[in-house]
Amino acid sequence: MAINTAERIDRYVGVSRKEVLSFITGKEPREEAVARRLMKEGSRRFLVAIYGAEDACGLIGCEYNGIAIFDENKKRVLLDRHMNKSSGWSGPSRIQREAMDRIMAMAWEEFQEFVNAHKRARYYI
């Protein structure tokens, strides 16, 4: 099964799964509706997505794929290519799906450590 190139977030093509991860500073992730109601100064929102390729000015490169995390507060890419595999054209691997499940279950402190230690992180949180 090939990826759907119409499903995209910015330059990330073939998005097969995306979920919002919300933190009220220092607490566990909460359901989106609860997090929205409790949003206050110091709370953070991230969009976590599995994608199959990257668009480089019209050239779709399936060798660049994996999990990307977008910082919704700063409207920036936080990191990408987590769990990159040789080709994302056939969709996400079991390992990529399991890695996303682990990310979605992280507490704030664990998420910070994960991001800050990642080689593809654009900045520290």
PDB file of N, CA and C in Angstrom:
ATOM      1  N   MET A   1       0.839  -1.177   0.000  1.00  0.00           N
ATOM      2  CA  MET A   1       0.000   0.000   0.000  1.00  0.00           C
ATOM      3  C   MET A   1       0.885   1.241   0.000  1.00  0.00           C
ATOM      4  N   ALA A   2       0.706   2.118  -0.948  1.00  0.00           N
ATOM      5  CA  ALA A   2       1.477   3.356  -1.045  1.00  0.00           C
ATOM      6  C   ALA A   2       0.854   4.428  -0.160  1.00  0.00           C
ATOM      7  N   ILE A   3       1.656   5.413   0.238  1.00  0.00           N
ATOM      8  CA  ILE A   3       1.159   6.505   1.070  1.00  0.00           C
ATOM      9  C   ILE A   3       0.238   7.420   0.270  1.00  0.00           C
ATOM     10  N   ASN A   4      -0.627   8.119   0.957  1.00  0.00           N
ATOM     11  CA  ASN A   4      -1.515   9.095   0.343  1.00  0.00           C
ATOM     12  C   ASN A   4      -0.813  10.446   0.395  1.00  0.00           C
ATOM     13  N   THR A   5      -0.294  10.918  -0.719  1.00  0.00           N
ATOM     14  CA  THR A   5       0.474  12.163  -0.737  1.00  0.00           C
ATOM     15  C   THR A   5      -0.398  13.397  -0.519  1.00  0.00           C
ATOM     16  N   ALA A   6      -1.710  13.245  -0.555  1.00  0.00           N
ATOM     17  CA  ALA A   6      -2.605  14.376  -0.290  1.00  0.00           C
ATOM     18  C   ALA A   6      -2.685  14.673   1.210  1.00  0.00           C
ATOM     19  N   GLU A   7      -2.404  13.670   2.019  1.00  0.00           N
ATOM     20  CA  GLU A   7      -2.421  13.856   3.474  1.00  0.00           C
ATOM     21  C   GLU A   7      -1.075  14.414   3.890  1.00  0.00           C
ATOM     22  N   ARG A   8      -1.051  15.702   4.298  1.00  0.00           N
ATOM     23  CA  ARG A   8       0.220  16.327   4.598  1.00  0.00           C
ATOM     24  C   ARG A   8       0.077  17.379   5.687  1.00  0.00           C
ATOM     25  N   ILE A   9       1.190  17.653   6.316  1.00  0.00           N
ATOM     26  CA  ILE A   9       1.325  18.764   7.248  1.00  0.00           C
ATOM     27  C   ILE A   9       2.581  19.496   6.798  1.00  0.00           C
ATOM     28  N   ASP A  10       2.373  20.681   6.242  1.00  0.00           N
ATOM     29  CA  ASP A  10       3.478  21.477   5.726  1.00  0.00           C
ATOM     30  C   ASP A  10       4.256  20.641   4.702  1.00  0.00           C
ATOM     31  N   ARG A  11       5.541  20.401   4.899  1.00  0.00           N
ATOM     32  CA  ARG A  11       6.346  19.643   3.934  1.00  0.00           C
ATOM     33  C   ARG A  11       6.328  18.140   4.188  1.00  0.00           C
ATOM     34  N   TYR A  12       5.639  17.710   5.229  1.00  0.00           N
ATOM     35  CA  TYR A  12       5.585  16.299   5.610  1.00  0.00           C
ATOM     36  C   TYR A  12       4.397  15.645   4.915  1.00  0.00           C
ATOM     37  N   VAL A  13       4.686  14.676   4.051  1.00  0.00           N
ATOM     38  CA  VAL A  13       3.710  14.087   3.130  1.00  0.00           C
ATOM     39  C   VAL A  13       3.367  12.662   3.576  1.00  0.00           C
ATOM     40  N   GLY A  14       2.160  12.239   3.239  1.00  0.00           N
ATOM     41  CA  GLY A  14       1.752  10.874   3.556  1.00  0.00           C
ATOM     42  C   GLY A  14       1.510  10.681   5.039  1.00  0.00           C
ATOM     43  N   VAL A  15       0.897  11.679   5.673  1.00  0.00           N
ATOM     44  CA  VAL A  15       0.607  11.583   7.102  1.00  0.00           C
ATOM     45  C   VAL A  15      -0.453  10.512   7.307  1.00  0.00           C
ATOM     46  N   SER A  16      -0.092   9.478   8.043  1.00  0.00           N
ATOM     47  CA  SER A  16      -1.014   8.364   8.249  1.00  0.00           C
ATOM     48  C   SER A  16      -1.656   8.401   9.630  1.00  0.00           C
ATOM     49  N   ARG A  17      -1.071   9.160  10.538  1.00  0.00           N
ATOM     50  CA  ARG A  17      -1.623   9.265  11.900  1.00  0.00           C
ATOM     51  C   ARG A  17      -1.145  10.578  12.504  1.00  0.00           C
ATOM     52  N   LYS A  18      -2.056  11.292  13.150  1.00  0.00           N
ATOM     53  CA  LYS A  18      -1.670  12.504  13.860  1.00  0.00           C
ATOM     54  C   LYS A  18      -2.552  12.646  15.097  1.00  0.00           C
ATOM     55  N   GLU A  19      -1.926  13.059  16.186  1.00  0.00           N
ATOM     56  CA  GLU A  19      -2.630  13.225  17.450  1.00  0.00           C
ATOM     57  C   GLU A  19      -2.060  14.414  18.199  1.00  0.00           C
ATOM     58  N   VAL A  20      -2.913  15.065  18.968  1.00  0.00           N
ATOM     59  CA  VAL A  20      -2.481  16.189  19.793  1.00  0.00           C
ATOM     60  C   VAL A  20      -2.072  15.659  21.156  1.00  0.00           C
ATOM     61  N   LEU A  21      -0.923  16.131  21.628  1.00  0.00           N
ATOM     62  CA  LEU A  21      -0.406  15.785  22.952  1.00  0.00           C
ATOM     63  C   LEU A  21      -0.377  17.075  23.759  1.00  0.00           C
ATOM     64  N   SER A  22      -1.152  17.134  24.831  1.00  0.00           N
ATOM     65  CA  SER A  22      -1.261  18.346  25.640  1.00  0.00           C
ATOM     66  C   SER A  22      -0.740  18.090  27.041  1.00  0.00           C
ATOM     67  N   PHE A  23      -0.051  19.073  27.564  1.00  0.00           N
ATOM     68  CA  PHE A  23       0.463  18.991  28.926  1.00  0.00           C
ATOM     69  C   PHE A  23       0.050  20.241  29.685  1.00  0.00           C
ATOM     70  N   ILE A  24      -0.411  20.057  30.898  1.00  0.00           N
ATOM     71  CA  ILE A  24      -0.506  21.148  31.845  1.00  0.00           C
ATOM     72  C   ILE A  24       0.789  21.009  32.622  1.00  0.00           C
ATOM     73  N   THR A  25       1.633  22.003  32.567  1.00  0.00           N
ATOM     74  CA  THR A  25       3.012  21.916  33.039  1.00  0.00           C
ATOM     75  C   THR A  25       3.143  21.054  34.286  1.00  0.00           C
ATOM     76  N   GLY A  26       4.018  20.056  34.170  1.00  0.00           N
ATOM     77  CA  GLY A  26       4.323  19.188  35.293  1.00  0.00           C
ATOM     78  C   GLY A  26       3.340  18.066  35.519  1.00  0.00           C
ATOM     79  N   LYS A  27       2.364  17.879  34.623  1.00  0.00           N
ATOM     80  CA  LYS A  27       1.366  16.834  34.822  1.00  0.00           C
ATOM     81  C   LYS A  27       1.322  15.895  33.626  1.00  0.00           C
ATOM     82  N   GLU A  28       0.576  14.841  33.776  1.00  0.00           N
ATOM     83  CA  GLU A  28       0.420  13.835  32.726  1.00  0.00           C
ATOM     84  C   GLU A  28      -0.352  14.403  31.533  1.00  0.00           C
ATOM     85  N   PRO A  29      -0.184  13.812  30.335  1.00  0.00           N
ATOM     86  CA  PRO A  29      -0.987  14.252  29.188  1.00  0.00           C
ATOM     87  C   PRO A  29      -2.475  14.059  29.485  1.00  0.00           C
ATOM     88  N   ARG A  30      -3.285  14.949  28.971  1.00  0.00           N
ATOM     89  CA  ARG A  30      -4.724  14.873  29.210  1.00  0.00           C
ATOM     90  C   ARG A  30      -5.466  14.796  27.881  1.00  0.00           C
ATOM     91  N   GLU A  31      -6.713  14.387  27.969  1.00  0.00           N
ATOM     92  CA  GLU A  31      -7.532  14.369  26.765  1.00  0.00           C
ATOM     93  C   GLU A  31      -7.643  15.781  26.219  1.00  0.00           C
ATOM     94  N   GLU A  32      -7.789  15.900  24.934  1.00  0.00           N
ATOM     95  CA  GLU A  32      -7.771  17.213  24.281  1.00  0.00           C
ATOM     96  C   GLU A  32      -8.819  18.170  24.853  1.00  0.00           C
ATOM     97  N   ALA A  33     -10.044  17.712  25.064  1.00  0.00           N
ATOM     98  CA  ALA A  33     -11.099  18.594  25.569  1.00  0.00           C
ATOM     99  C   ALA A  33     -10.765  19.111  26.968  1.00  0.00           C
ATOM    100  N   VAL A  34     -10.255  18.253  27.808  1.00  0.00           N
ATOM    101  CA  VAL A  34      -9.883  18.655  29.166  1.00  0.00           C
ATOM    102  C   VAL A  34      -8.726  19.642  29.110  1.00  0.00           C
ATOM    103  N   ALA A  35      -7.730  19.351  28.292  1.00  0.00           N
ATOM    104  CA  ALA A  35      -6.566  20.230  28.177  1.00  0.00           C
ATOM    105  C   ALA A  35      -6.982  21.605  27.669  1.00  0.00           C
ATOM    106  N   ARG A  36      -7.901  21.652  26.694  1.00  0.00           N
ATOM    107  CA  ARG A  36      -8.357  22.924  26.153  1.00  0.00           C
ATOM    108  C   ARG A  36      -9.028  23.760  27.231  1.00  0.00           C
ATOM    109  N   ARG A  37      -9.826  23.110  28.074  1.00  0.00           N
ATOM    110  CA  ARG A  37     -10.534  23.803  29.144  1.00  0.00           C
ATOM    111  C   ARG A  37      -9.564  24.306  30.203  1.00  0.00           C
ATOM    112  N   LEU A  38      -8.491  23.573  30.453  1.00  0.00           N
ATOM    113  CA  LEU A  38      -7.547  23.922  31.506  1.00  0.00           C
ATOM    114  C   LEU A  38      -6.362  24.742  31.020  1.00  0.00           C
ATOM    115  N   MET A  39      -6.334  25.068  29.709  1.00  0.00           N
ATOM    116  CA  MET A  39      -5.188  25.797  29.169  1.00  0.00           C
ATOM    117  C   MET A  39      -4.940  27.074  29.951  1.00  0.00           C
ATOM    118  N   LYS A  40      -3.711  27.294  30.295  1.00  0.00           N
ATOM    119  CA  LYS A  40      -3.301  28.498  31.013  1.00  0.00           C
ATOM    120  C   LYS A  40      -1.841  28.748  30.704  1.00  0.00           C
ATOM    121  N   GLU A  41      -1.291  29.807  31.242  1.00  0.00           N
ATOM    122  CA  GLU A  41       0.128  30.108  31.040  1.00  0.00           C
ATOM    123  C   GLU A  41       0.961  28.921  31.498  1.00  0.00           C
ATOM    124  N   GLY A  42       1.902  28.488  30.686  1.00  0.00           N
ATOM    125  CA  GLY A  42       2.748  27.356  31.056  1.00  0.00           C
ATOM    126  C   GLY A  42       2.275  26.023  30.512  1.00  0.00           C
ATOM    127  N   SER A  43       1.089  25.965  29.902  1.00  0.00           N
ATOM    128  CA  SER A  43       0.645  24.695  29.335  1.00  0.00           C
ATOM    129  C   SER A  43       1.191  24.576  27.919  1.00  0.00           C
ATOM    130  N   ARG A  44       1.365  23.347  27.452  1.00  0.00           N
ATOM    131  CA  ARG A  44       1.995  23.105  26.155  1.00  0.00           C
ATOM    132  C   ARG A  44       1.159  22.139  25.332  1.00  0.00           C
ATOM    133  N   ARG A  45       1.137  22.374  24.012  1.00  0.00           N
ATOM    134  CA  ARG A  45       0.444  21.502  23.046  1.00  0.00           C
ATOM    135  C   ARG A  45       1.397  21.150  21.923  1.00  0.00           C
ATOM    136  N   PHE A  46       1.376  19.867  21.556  1.00  0.00           N
ATOM    137  CA  PHE A  46       2.215  19.370  20.476  1.00  0.00           C
ATOM    138  C   PHE A  46       1.365  18.501  19.563  1.00  0.00           C
ATOM    139  N   LEU A  47       1.651  18.562  18.263  1.00  0.00           N
ATOM    140  CA  LEU A  47       1.027  17.669  17.292  1.00  0.00           C
ATOM    141  C   LEU A  47       2.075  16.631  16.928  1.00  0.00           C
ATOM    142  N   VAL A  48       1.748  15.371  17.127  1.00  0.00           N
ATOM    143  CA  VAL A  48       2.663  14.271  16.832  1.00  0.00           C
ATOM    144  C   VAL A  48       2.101  13.529  15.621  1.00  0.00           C
ATOM    145  N   ALA A  49       2.935  13.303  14.612  1.00  0.00           N
ATOM    146  CA  ALA A  49       2.447  12.689  13.371  1.00  0.00           C
ATOM    147  C   ALA A  49       3.454  11.704  12.803  1.00  0.00           C
ATOM    148  N   ILE A  50       2.935  10.639  12.205  1.00  0.00           N
ATOM    149  CA  ILE A  50       3.753   9.710  11.427  1.00  0.00           C
ATOM    150  C   ILE A  50       3.574  10.095   9.958  1.00  0.00           C
ATOM    151  N   TYR A  51       4.692  10.275   9.255  1.00  0.00           N
ATOM    152  CA  TYR A  51       4.628  10.669   7.848  1.00  0.00           C
ATOM    153  C   TYR A  51       5.527   9.752   7.023  1.00  0.00           C
ATOM    154  N   GLY A  52       5.234   9.668   5.726  1.00  0.00           N
ATOM    155  CA  GLY A  52       5.936   8.737   4.855  1.00  0.00           C
ATOM    156  C   GLY A  52       7.001   9.338   3.963  1.00  0.00           C
ATOM    157  N   ALA A  53       7.004  10.671   3.818  1.00  0.00           N
ATOM    158  CA  ALA A  53       7.963  11.316   2.926  1.00  0.00           C
ATOM    159  C   ALA A  53       8.022  12.811   3.235  1.00  0.00           C
ATOM    160  N   GLU A  54       9.021  13.465   2.646  1.00  0.00           N
ATOM    161  CA  GLU A  54       9.138  14.913   2.756  1.00  0.00           C
ATOM    162  C   GLU A  54       9.113  15.526   1.361  1.00  0.00           C
ATOM    163  N   ASP A  55       8.505  16.686   1.273  1.00  0.00           N
ATOM    164  CA  ASP A  55       8.413  17.426   0.020  1.00  0.00           C
ATOM    165  C   ASP A  55       9.507  18.489   0.007  1.00  0.00           C
ATOM    166  N   ALA A  56      10.466  18.342  -0.879  1.00  0.00           N
ATOM    167  CA  ALA A  56      11.555  19.312  -1.035  1.00  0.00           C
ATOM    168  C   ALA A  56      11.309  20.080  -2.323  1.00  0.00           C
ATOM    169  N   CYS A  57      10.519  21.123  -2.245  1.00  0.00           N
ATOM    170  CA  CYS A  57      10.189  21.960  -3.414  1.00  0.00           C
ATOM    171  C   CYS A  57       9.606  21.152  -4.569  1.00  0.00           C
ATOM    172  N   GLY A  58       8.703  20.243  -4.262  1.00  0.00           N
ATOM    173  CA  GLY A  58       8.038  19.448  -5.294  1.00  0.00           C
ATOM    174  C   GLY A  58       8.612  18.058  -5.495  1.00  0.00           C
ATOM    175  N   LEU A  59       9.802  17.804  -4.986  1.00  0.00           N
ATOM    176  CA  LEU A  59      10.407  16.481  -5.071  1.00  0.00           C
ATOM    177  C   LEU A  59      10.056  15.720  -3.798  1.00  0.00           C
ATOM    178  N   ILE A  60       9.273  14.652  -3.931  1.00  0.00           N
ATOM    179  CA  ILE A  60       8.831  13.866  -2.781  1.00  0.00           C
ATOM    180  C   ILE A  60       9.894  12.819  -2.475  1.00  0.00           C
ATOM    181  N   GLY A  61      10.503  12.926  -1.309  1.00  0.00           N
ATOM    182  CA  GLY A  61      11.567  12.003  -0.913  1.00  0.00           C
ATOM    183  C   GLY A  61      11.106  11.051   0.164  1.00  0.00           C
ATOM    184  N   CYS A  62      10.813   9.806  -0.204  1.00  0.00           N
ATOM    185  CA  CYS A  62      10.315   8.832   0.767  1.00  0.00           C
ATOM    186  C   CYS A  62      11.428   8.267   1.651  1.00  0.00           C
ATOM    187  N   GLU A  63      12.688   8.613   1.364  1.00  0.00           N
ATOM    188  CA  GLU A  63      13.781   8.170   2.227  1.00  0.00           C
ATOM    189  C   GLU A  63      13.801   8.974   3.537  1.00  0.00           C
ATOM    190  N   TYR A  64      13.089  10.098   3.570  1.00  0.00           N
ATOM    191  CA  TYR A  64      12.952  10.908   4.780  1.00  0.00           C
ATOM    192  C   TYR A  64      11.540  10.730   5.301  1.00  0.00           C
ATOM    193  N   ASN A  65      11.396  10.015   6.387  1.00  0.00           N
ATOM    194  CA  ASN A  65      10.091   9.667   6.926  1.00  0.00           C
ATOM    195  C   ASN A  65      10.222   9.442   8.424  1.00  0.00           C
ATOM    196  N   GLY A  66       9.142   9.120   9.065  1.00  0.00           N
ATOM    197  CA  GLY A  66       9.182   8.810  10.486  1.00  0.00           C
ATOM    198  C   GLY A  66       8.139   9.570  11.265  1.00  0.00           C
ATOM    199  N   ILE A  67       8.520  10.002  12.470  1.00  0.00           N
ATOM    200  CA  ILE A  67       7.625  10.728  13.356  1.00  0.00           C
ATOM    201  C   ILE A  67       8.121  12.165  13.456  1.00  0.00           C
ATOM    202  N   ALA A  68       7.199  13.096  13.316  1.00  0.00           N
ATOM    203  CA  ALA A  68       7.516  14.517  13.493  1.00  0.00           C
ATOM    204  C   ALA A  68       6.684  15.039  14.660  1.00  0.00           C
ATOM    205  N   ILE A  69       7.260  15.980  15.384  1.00  0.00           N
ATOM    206  CA  ILE A  69       6.549  16.635  16.482  1.00  0.00           C
ATOM    207  C   ILE A  69       6.546  18.128  16.199  1.00  0.00           C
ATOM    208  N   PHE A  70       5.359  18.708  16.211  1.00  0.00           N
ATOM    209  CA  PHE A  70       5.170  20.128  15.952  1.00  0.00           C
ATOM    210  C   PHE A  70       4.768  20.810  17.254  1.00  0.00           C
ATOM    211  N   ASP A  71       5.425  21.903  17.582  1.00  0.00           N
ATOM    212  CA  ASP A  71       5.117  22.690  18.776  1.00  0.00           C
ATOM    213  C   ASP A  71       3.978  23.634  18.422  1.00  0.00           C
ATOM    214  N   GLU A  72       2.797  23.348  18.925  1.00  0.00           N
ATOM    215  CA  GLU A  72       1.622  24.156  18.603  1.00  0.00           C
ATOM    216  C   GLU A  72       1.690  25.536  19.255  1.00  0.00           C
ATOM    217  N   ASN A  73       2.362  25.662  20.390  1.00  0.00           N
ATOM    218  CA  ASN A  73       2.484  26.964  21.051  1.00  0.00           C
ATOM    219  C   ASN A  73       3.358  27.911  20.237  1.00  0.00           C
ATOM    220  N   LYS A  74       4.449  27.379  19.689  1.00  0.00           N
ATOM    221  CA  LYS A  74       5.396  28.216  18.946  1.00  0.00           C
ATOM    222  C   LYS A  74       5.183  28.164  17.445  1.00  0.00           C
ATOM    223  N   LYS A  75       4.266  27.283  16.992  1.00  0.00           N
ATOM    224  CA  LYS A  75       3.988  27.121  15.553  1.00  0.00           C
ATOM    225  C   LYS A  75       5.263  26.791  14.779  1.00  0.00           C
ATOM    226  N   ARG A  76       6.013  25.820  15.324  1.00  0.00           N
ATOM    227  CA  ARG A  76       7.280  25.416  14.702  1.00  0.00           C
ATOM    228  C   ARG A  76       7.423  23.902  14.749  1.00  0.00           C
ATOM    229  N   VAL A  77       8.253  23.376  13.843  1.00  0.00           N
ATOM    230  CA  VAL A  77       8.634  21.967  13.895  1.00  0.00           C
ATOM    231  C   VAL A  77       9.605  21.808  15.052  1.00  0.00           C
ATOM    232  N   LEU A  78       9.311  20.888  15.949  1.00  0.00           N
ATOM    233  CA  LEU A  78      10.191  20.634  17.085  1.00  0.00           C
ATOM    234  C   LEU A  78      11.242  19.591  16.720  1.00  0.00           C
ATOM    235  N   LEU A  79      10.817  18.488  16.120  1.00  0.00           N
ATOM    236  CA  LEU A  79      11.755  17.477  15.626  1.00  0.00           C
ATOM    237  C   LEU A  79      11.090  16.660  14.535  1.00  0.00           C
ATOM    238  N   ASP A  80      11.907  15.972  13.749  1.00  0.00           N
ATOM    239  CA  ASP A  80      11.380  15.106  12.699  1.00  0.00           C
ATOM    240  C   ASP A  80      12.310  13.919  12.491  1.00  0.00           C
ATOM    241  N   ARG A  81      11.892  13.043  11.613  1.00  0.00           N
ATOM    242  CA  ARG A  81      12.636  11.833  11.229  1.00  0.00           C
ATOM    243  C   ARG A  81      12.949  10.901  12.399  1.00  0.00           C
ATOM    244  N   HIS A  82      12.133  10.942  13.449  1.00  0.00           N
ATOM    245  CA  HIS A  82      12.314   9.982  14.532  1.00  0.00           C
ATOM    246  C   HIS A  82      11.874   8.614  14.015  1.00  0.00           C
ATOM    247  N   MET A  83      12.696   7.621  14.193  1.00  0.00           N
ATOM    248  CA  MET A  83      12.445   6.252  13.723  1.00  0.00           C
ATOM    249  C   MET A  83      12.377   6.187  12.196  1.00  0.00           C
ATOM    250  N   ASN A  84      13.226   6.968  11.529  1.00  0.00           N
ATOM    251  CA  ASN A  84      13.316   6.961  10.073  1.00  0.00           C
ATOM    252  C   ASN A  84      13.659   5.549   9.577  1.00  0.00           C
ATOM    253  N   LYS A  85      13.007   5.111   8.512  1.00  0.00           N
ATOM    254  CA  LYS A  85      13.343   3.822   7.888  1.00  0.00           C
ATOM    255  C   LYS A  85      13.797   4.086   6.460  1.00  0.00           C
ATOM    256  N   SER A  86      14.281   3.069   5.778  1.00  0.00           N
ATOM    257  CA  SER A  86      14.875   3.273   4.451  1.00  0.00           C
ATOM    258  C   SER A  86      13.893   3.857   3.444  1.00  0.00           C
ATOM    259  N   SER A  87      12.608   3.522   3.539  1.00  0.00           N
ATOM    260  CA  SER A  87      11.601   4.087   2.647  1.00  0.00           C
ATOM    261  C   SER A  87      10.264   4.143   3.376  1.00  0.00           C
ATOM    262  N   GLY A  88       9.612   5.289   3.289  1.00  0.00           N
ATOM    263  CA  GLY A  88       8.307   5.434   3.921  1.00  0.00           C
ATOM    264  C   GLY A  88       7.160   5.227   2.957  1.00  0.00           C
ATOM    265  N   TRP A  89       7.476   4.843   1.716  1.00  0.00           N
ATOM    266  CA  TRP A  89       6.460   4.749   0.671  1.00  0.00           C
ATOM    267  C   TRP A  89       5.360   3.738   0.981  1.00  0.00           C
ATOM    268  N   SER A  90       5.675   2.681   1.700  1.00  0.00           N
ATOM    269  CA  SER A  90       4.676   1.637   1.980  1.00  0.00           C
ATOM    270  C   SER A  90       3.890   1.890   3.261  1.00  0.00           C
ATOM    271  N   GLY A  91       4.049   3.064   3.857  1.00  0.00           N
ATOM    272  CA  GLY A  91       3.306   3.393   5.077  1.00  0.00           C
ATOM    273  C   GLY A  91       4.143   3.153   6.318  1.00  0.00           C
ATOM    274  N   PRO A  92       3.570   3.435   7.485  1.00  0.00           N
ATOM    275  CA  PRO A  92       4.345   3.326   8.727  1.00  0.00           C
ATOM    276  C   PRO A  92       4.642   1.874   9.097  1.00  0.00           C
ATOM    277  N   SER A  93       5.793   1.686   9.698  1.00  0.00           N
ATOM    278  CA  SER A  93       6.161   0.350  10.171  1.00  0.00           C
ATOM    279  C   SER A  93       5.567   0.115  11.564  1.00  0.00           C
ATOM    280  N   ARG A  94       5.575  -1.110  11.995  1.00  0.00           N
ATOM    281  CA  ARG A  94       5.115  -1.457  13.346  1.00  0.00           C
ATOM    282  C   ARG A  94       5.945  -0.713  14.378  1.00  0.00           C
ATOM    283  N   ILE A  95       7.244  -0.609  14.149  1.00  0.00           N
ATOM    284  CA  ILE A  95       8.145   0.073  15.081  1.00  0.00           C
ATOM    285  C   ILE A  95       7.786   1.561  15.180  1.00  0.00           C
ATOM    286  N   GLN A  96       7.453   2.187  14.059  1.00  0.00           N
ATOM    287  CA  GLN A  96       7.053   3.598  14.084  1.00  0.00           C
ATOM    288  C   GLN A  96       5.737   3.781  14.843  1.00  0.00           C
ATOM    289  N   ARG A  97       4.773   2.882  14.619  1.00  0.00           N
ATOM    290  CA  ARG A  97       3.491   2.978  15.326  1.00  0.00           C
ATOM    291  C   ARG A  97       3.684   2.795  16.831  1.00  0.00           C
ATOM    292  N   GLU A  98       4.528   1.835  17.224  1.00  0.00           N
ATOM    293  CA  GLU A  98       4.795   1.607  18.647  1.00  0.00           C
ATOM    294  C   GLU A  98       5.531   2.792  19.275  1.00  0.00           C
ATOM    295  N   ALA A  99       6.458   3.398  18.523  1.00  0.00           N
ATOM    296  CA  ALA A  99       7.188   4.564  19.029  1.00  0.00           C
ATOM    297  C   ALA A  99       6.227   5.731  19.261  1.00  0.00           C
ATOM    298  N   MET A 100       5.274   5.914  18.357  1.00  0.00           N
ATOM    299  CA  MET A 100       4.301   6.991  18.557  1.00  0.00           C
ATOM    300  C   MET A 100       3.436   6.717  19.778  1.00  0.00           C
ATOM    301  N   ASP A 101       3.043   5.463  19.975  1.00  0.00           N
ATOM    302  CA  ASP A 101       2.271   5.107  21.176  1.00  0.00           C
ATOM    303  C   ASP A 101       3.049   5.463  22.440  1.00  0.00           C
ATOM    304  N   ARG A 102       4.355   5.189  22.446  1.00  0.00           N
ATOM    305  CA  ARG A 102       5.190   5.512  23.616  1.00  0.00           C
ATOM    306  C   ARG A 102       5.261   7.023  23.834  1.00  0.00           C
ATOM    307  N   ILE A 103       5.420   7.780  22.757  1.00  0.00           N
ATOM    308  CA  ILE A 103       5.476   9.243  22.877  1.00  0.00           C
ATOM    309  C   ILE A 103       4.165   9.776  23.440  1.00  0.00           C
ATOM    310  N   MET A 104       3.050   9.285  22.937  1.00  0.00           N
ATOM    311  CA  MET A 104       1.744   9.773  23.375  1.00  0.00           C
ATOM    312  C   MET A 104       1.465   9.448  24.842  1.00  0.00           C
ATOM    313  N   ALA A 105       2.161   8.471  25.404  1.00  0.00           N
ATOM    314  CA  ALA A 105       1.951   8.085  26.804  1.00  0.00           C
ATOM    315  C   ALA A 105       2.935   8.758  27.765  1.00  0.00           C
ATOM    316  N   MET A 106       3.853   9.568  27.250  1.00  0.00           N
ATOM    317  CA  MET A 106       4.882  10.173  28.095  1.00  0.00           C
ATOM    318  C   MET A 106       4.325  11.258  29.010  1.00  0.00           C
ATOM    319  N   ALA A 107       4.899  11.320  30.215  1.00  0.00           N
ATOM    320  CA  ALA A 107       4.650  12.439  31.123  1.00  0.00           C
ATOM    321  C   ALA A 107       5.511  13.609  30.655  1.00  0.00           C
ATOM    322  N   TRP A 108       5.205  14.816  31.136  1.00  0.00           N
ATOM    323  CA  TRP A 108       5.911  16.022  30.699  1.00  0.00           C
ATOM    324  C   TRP A 108       7.420  15.906  30.860  1.00  0.00           C
ATOM    325  N   GLU A 109       7.900  15.488  32.007  1.00  0.00           N
ATOM    326  CA  GLU A 109       9.343  15.404  32.249  1.00  0.00           C
ATOM    327  C   GLU A 109      10.010  14.398  31.313  1.00  0.00           C
ATOM    328  N   GLU A 110       9.361  13.279  31.078  1.00  0.00           N
ATOM    329  CA  GLU A 110       9.881  12.257  30.169  1.00  0.00           C
ATOM    330  C   GLU A 110       9.910  12.786  28.729  1.00  0.00           C
ATOM    331  N   PHE A 111       8.865  13.507  28.338  1.00  0.00           N
ATOM    332  CA  PHE A 111       8.780  14.096  27.001  1.00  0.00           C
ATOM    333  C   PHE A 111       9.899  15.122  26.809  1.00  0.00           C
ATOM    334  N   GLN A 112      10.130  15.961  27.798  1.00  0.00           N
ATOM    335  CA  GLN A 112      11.219  16.947  27.735  1.00  0.00           C
ATOM    336  C   GLN A 112      12.566  16.257  27.534  1.00  0.00           C
ATOM    337  N   GLU A 113      12.839  15.228  28.316  1.00  0.00           N
ATOM    338  CA  GLU A 113      14.105  14.492  28.195  1.00  0.00           C
ATOM    339  C   GLU A 113      14.250  13.884  26.802  1.00  0.00           C
ATOM    340  N   PHE A 114      13.171  13.279  26.307  1.00  0.00           N
ATOM    341  CA  PHE A 114      13.185  12.659  24.987  1.00  0.00           C
ATOM    342  C   PHE A 114      13.526  13.687  23.911  1.00  0.00           C
ATOM    343  N   VAL A 115      12.810  14.808  23.914  1.00  0.00           N
ATOM    344  CA  VAL A 115      13.022  15.844  22.893  1.00  0.00           C
ATOM    345  C   VAL A 115      14.415  16.446  23.013  1.00  0.00           C
ATOM    346  N   ASN A 116      14.799  16.819  24.218  1.00  0.00           N
ATOM    347  CA  ASN A 116      16.077  17.512  24.413  1.00  0.00           C
ATOM    348  C   ASN A 116      17.281  16.634  24.083  1.00  0.00           C
ATOM    349  N   ALA A 117      17.128  15.327  24.122  1.00  0.00           N
ATOM    350  CA  ALA A 117      18.217  14.408  23.783  1.00  0.00           C
ATOM    351  C   ALA A 117      18.197  13.977  22.316  1.00  0.00           C
ATOM    352  N   HIS A 118      17.140  14.329  21.584  1.00  0.00           N
ATOM    353  CA  HIS A 118      16.981  13.855  20.200  1.00  0.00           C
ATOM    354  C   HIS A 118      17.920  14.606  19.256  1.00  0.00           C
ATOM    355  N   LYS A 119      18.585  13.863  18.375  1.00  0.00           N
ATOM    356  CA  LYS A 119      19.555  14.478  17.454  1.00  0.00           C
ATOM    357  C   LYS A 119      18.895  15.372  16.405  1.00  0.00           C
ATOM    358  N   ARG A 120      17.590  15.207  16.162  1.00  0.00           N
ATOM    359  CA  ARG A 120      16.888  16.033  15.171  1.00  0.00           C
ATOM    360  C   ARG A 120      16.043  17.135  15.810  1.00  0.00           C
ATOM    361  N   ALA A 121      16.193  17.355  17.118  1.00  0.00           N
ATOM    362  CA  ALA A 121      15.449  18.431  17.782  1.00  0.00           C
ATOM    363  C   ALA A 121      15.952  19.777  17.291  1.00  0.00           C
ATOM    364  N   ARG A 122      15.034  20.683  16.987  1.00  0.00           N
ATOM    365  CA  ARG A 122      15.400  22.012  16.504  1.00  0.00           C
ATOM    366  C   ARG A 122      15.777  22.947  17.643  1.00  0.00           C
ATOM    367  N   TYR A 123      15.223  22.700  18.834  1.00  0.00           N
ATOM    368  CA  TYR A 123      15.506  23.528  20.013  1.00  0.00           C
ATOM    369  C   TYR A 123      15.116  22.747  21.253  1.00  0.00           C
ATOM    370  N   TYR A 124      15.537  23.227  22.413  1.00  0.00           N
ATOM    371  CA  TYR A 124      15.204  22.581  23.688  1.00  0.00           C
ATOM    372  C   TYR A 124      13.874  23.084  24.206  1.00  0.00           C
ATOM    373  N   ILE A 125      13.182  22.196  24.916  1.00  0.00           N
ATOM    374  CA  ILE A 125      11.932  22.614  25.560  1.00  0.00           C
ATOM    375  C   ILE A 125      12.103  22.507  27.072  1.00  0.00           C
TER     376      ILE A 125
END
